[in-house]
Every structure is written in structure tokens, then in C-alpha cells.
Amino acid sequence: MAKVTVYTVAWCGFCTRALRLLSSKGVEFQEVGVGEEPKSRAALIGRTGHRTFPQIFIDDLFVGGSDELSSLERSGRLDALLF
């Protein structure tokens, strides 16, 4: 199974939606809250070029946020990345 890391901020509905989708698939993931850590958040934004959250990595591949994760699921491509 792939290593999944989800960077989140508090009170984020999109973060909750992404975590719910991963949980429904039985995927173990590491959630990293960066909302209260400006340096960590800035480093992540520098790494991905994205300012919105969540930011989701499957293994070392940045897949995007909640919308991109949902799109992968709808297209049937998410399982190939996860399992």
C-alpha cells in the first residue's frame, strides 16, 4: 500500500472531505496540520506551488487537493495509486 500524507489546516471542509474519502477506502494516511505553523506551511507552498488545502501526496507524488483526489476516484485511477 502506498504512503499517503495529507497536509491540512483547521476548519477546512475540503480537508475533511479528502480525509473521509481516504478513510472510506480503508487507506491509512498521515495527517499533518500546518495551519498553526507558518514556516511549515510556507515550505509546503514552496514545494508544491499551491496555496490551497488539503495538499495530498501519494508516495512522493503530489496529487493536488480534495477536488483532484475526488476526480481520481471518479475516473477509477485512485486505486492504482493507492494499492
C-alpha atoms as a PDB file:
ATOM      1  CA  MET A   1       0.000   0.000   0.000  1.00  0.00           C
ATOM      2  CA  ALA A   2       1.211   3.498  -0.798  1.00  0.00           C
ATOM      3  CA  LYS A   3       2.284   6.006   1.820  1.00  0.00           C
ATOM      4  CA  VAL A   4      -0.312   8.799   1.906  1.00  0.00           C
ATOM      5  CA  THR A   5       0.324  12.160   3.542  1.00  0.00           C
ATOM      6  CA  VAL A   6      -2.374  14.817   3.777  1.00  0.00           C
ATOM      7  CA  TYR A   7      -1.428  18.349   4.815  1.00  0.00           C
ATOM      8  CA  THR A   8      -4.401  20.114   6.353  1.00  0.00           C
ATOM      9  CA  VAL A   9      -5.495  23.307   8.064  1.00  0.00           C
ATOM     10  CA  ALA A  10      -8.163  23.628  10.753  1.00  0.00           C
ATOM     11  CA  TRP A  11     -11.789  24.249   9.840  1.00  0.00           C
ATOM     12  CA  CYS A  12     -11.271  23.123   6.255  1.00  0.00           C
ATOM     13  CA  GLY A  13     -14.259  21.393   4.682  1.00  0.00           C
ATOM     14  CA  PHE A  14     -12.193  20.257   1.704  1.00  0.00           C
ATOM     15  CA  CYS A  15      -9.671  18.690   4.091  1.00  0.00           C
ATOM     16  CA  THR A  16     -12.466  16.823   5.856  1.00  0.00           C
ATOM     17  CA  ARG A  17     -13.859  15.613   2.541  1.00  0.00           C
ATOM     18  CA  ALA A  18     -10.488  14.270   1.390  1.00  0.00           C
ATOM     19  CA  LEU A  19      -9.840  12.508   4.705  1.00  0.00           C
ATOM     20  CA  ARG A  20     -13.322  10.990   4.594  1.00  0.00           C
ATOM     21  CA  LEU A  21     -12.755   9.613   1.083  1.00  0.00           C
ATOM     22  CA  LEU A  22      -9.436   8.050   2.051  1.00  0.00           C
ATOM     23  CA  SER A  23     -10.929   6.565   5.224  1.00  0.00           C
ATOM     24  CA  SER A  24     -13.877   5.107   3.290  1.00  0.00           C
ATOM     25  CA  LYS A  25     -11.385   3.232   1.120  1.00  0.00           C
ATOM     26  CA  GLY A  26      -9.590   1.840   4.175  1.00  0.00           C
ATOM     27  CA  VAL A  27      -6.440   3.802   3.386  1.00  0.00           C
ATOM     28  CA  GLU A  28      -4.047   4.590   6.205  1.00  0.00           C
ATOM     29  CA  PHE A  29      -2.685   8.105   5.973  1.00  0.00           C
ATOM     30  CA  GLN A  30      -0.665  10.595   7.921  1.00  0.00           C
ATOM     31  CA  GLU A  31      -2.425  13.897   8.548  1.00  0.00           C
ATOM     32  CA  VAL A  32      -0.107  16.851   9.093  1.00  0.00           C
ATOM     33  CA  GLY A  33      -1.704  20.042  10.350  1.00  0.00           C
ATOM     34  CA  VAL A  34       0.165  23.096   9.094  1.00  0.00           C
ATOM     35  CA  GLY A  35      -2.339  25.834   9.863  1.00  0.00           C
ATOM     36  CA  GLU A  36      -0.568  26.971  13.013  1.00  0.00           C
ATOM     37  CA  GLU A  37       2.947  26.507  11.647  1.00  0.00           C
ATOM     38  CA  PRO A  38       3.766  29.375   9.242  1.00  0.00           C
ATOM     39  CA  LYS A  39       7.243  28.064   8.359  1.00  0.00           C
ATOM     40  CA  SER A  40       5.988  24.558   7.578  1.00  0.00           C
ATOM     41  CA  ARG A  41       3.085  25.963   5.584  1.00  0.00           C
ATOM     42  CA  ALA A  42       5.384  28.273   3.591  1.00  0.00           C
ATOM     43  CA  ALA A  43       7.787  25.406   2.880  1.00  0.00           C
ATOM     44  CA  LEU A  44       4.938  23.234   1.626  1.00  0.00           C
ATOM     45  CA  ILE A  45       3.604  26.006  -0.602  1.00  0.00           C
ATOM     46  CA  GLY A  46       7.120  26.472  -1.972  1.00  0.00           C
ATOM     47  CA  ARG A  47       7.356  22.744  -2.672  1.00  0.00           C
ATOM     48  CA  THR A  48       4.022  22.415  -4.474  1.00  0.00           C
ATOM     49  CA  GLY A  49       3.255  25.916  -5.707  1.00  0.00           C
ATOM     50  CA  HIS A  50      -0.282  25.535  -4.327  1.00  0.00           C
ATOM     51  CA  ARG A  51      -1.761  27.754  -1.620  1.00  0.00           C
ATOM     52  CA  THR A  52      -4.986  25.827  -1.017  1.00  0.00           C
ATOM     53  CA  PHE A  53      -5.526  22.872   1.298  1.00  0.00           C
ATOM     54  CA  PRO A  54      -5.532  19.978   1.657  1.00  0.00           C
ATOM     55  CA  GLN A  55      -2.365  19.074  -0.158  1.00  0.00           C
ATOM     56  CA  ILE A  56      -2.173  15.347  -0.765  1.00  0.00           C
ATOM     57  CA  PHE A  57       0.844  13.203  -1.537  1.00  0.00           C
ATOM     58  CA  ILE A  58       0.685   9.550  -2.511  1.00  0.00           C
ATOM     59  CA  ASP A  59       4.169   8.202  -2.019  1.00  0.00           C
ATOM     60  CA  ASP A  60       6.207  11.156  -3.335  1.00  0.00           C
ATOM     61  CA  LEU A  61       3.654  12.186  -5.971  1.00  0.00           C
ATOM     62  CA  PHE A  62       1.762  15.411  -5.288  1.00  0.00           C
ATOM     63  CA  VAL A  63      -1.768  14.657  -6.484  1.00  0.00           C
ATOM     64  CA  GLY A  64      -3.305  18.013  -5.546  1.00  0.00           C
ATOM     65  CA  GLY A  65      -6.222  18.691  -3.252  1.00  0.00           C
ATOM     66  CA  SER A  66      -9.654  17.335  -2.491  1.00  0.00           C
ATOM     67  CA  ASP A  67     -11.070  18.012  -5.961  1.00  0.00           C
ATOM     68  CA  GLU A  68      -8.176  16.228  -7.658  1.00  0.00           C
ATOM     69  CA  LEU A  69      -8.461  13.279  -5.259  1.00  0.00           C
ATOM     70  CA  SER A  70     -12.191  13.008  -5.994  1.00  0.00           C
ATOM     71  CA  SER A  71     -11.517  13.217  -9.715  1.00  0.00           C
ATOM     72  CA  LEU A  72      -9.015  10.363  -9.466  1.00  0.00           C
ATOM     73  CA  GLU A  73     -11.631   8.306  -7.620  1.00  0.00           C
ATOM     74  CA  ARG A  74     -14.376   9.018 -10.179  1.00  0.00           C
ATOM     75  CA  SER A  75     -12.076   8.110 -13.070  1.00  0.00           C
ATOM     76  CA  GLY A  76     -11.060   4.827 -11.427  1.00  0.00           C
ATOM     77  CA  ARG A  77      -7.382   5.822 -11.240  1.00  0.00           C
ATOM     78  CA  LEU A  78      -7.093   6.341  -7.484  1.00  0.00           C
ATOM     79  CA  ASP A  79      -6.907   2.662  -6.541  1.00  0.00           C
ATOM     80  CA  ALA A  80      -3.938   2.132  -8.874  1.00  0.00           C
ATOM     81  CA  LEU A  81      -2.036   4.824  -6.984  1.00  0.00           C
ATOM     82  CA  LEU A  82      -3.024   3.558  -3.547  1.00  0.00           C
ATOM     83  CA  PHE A  83      -2.836  -0.223  -3.756  1.00  0.00           C
END
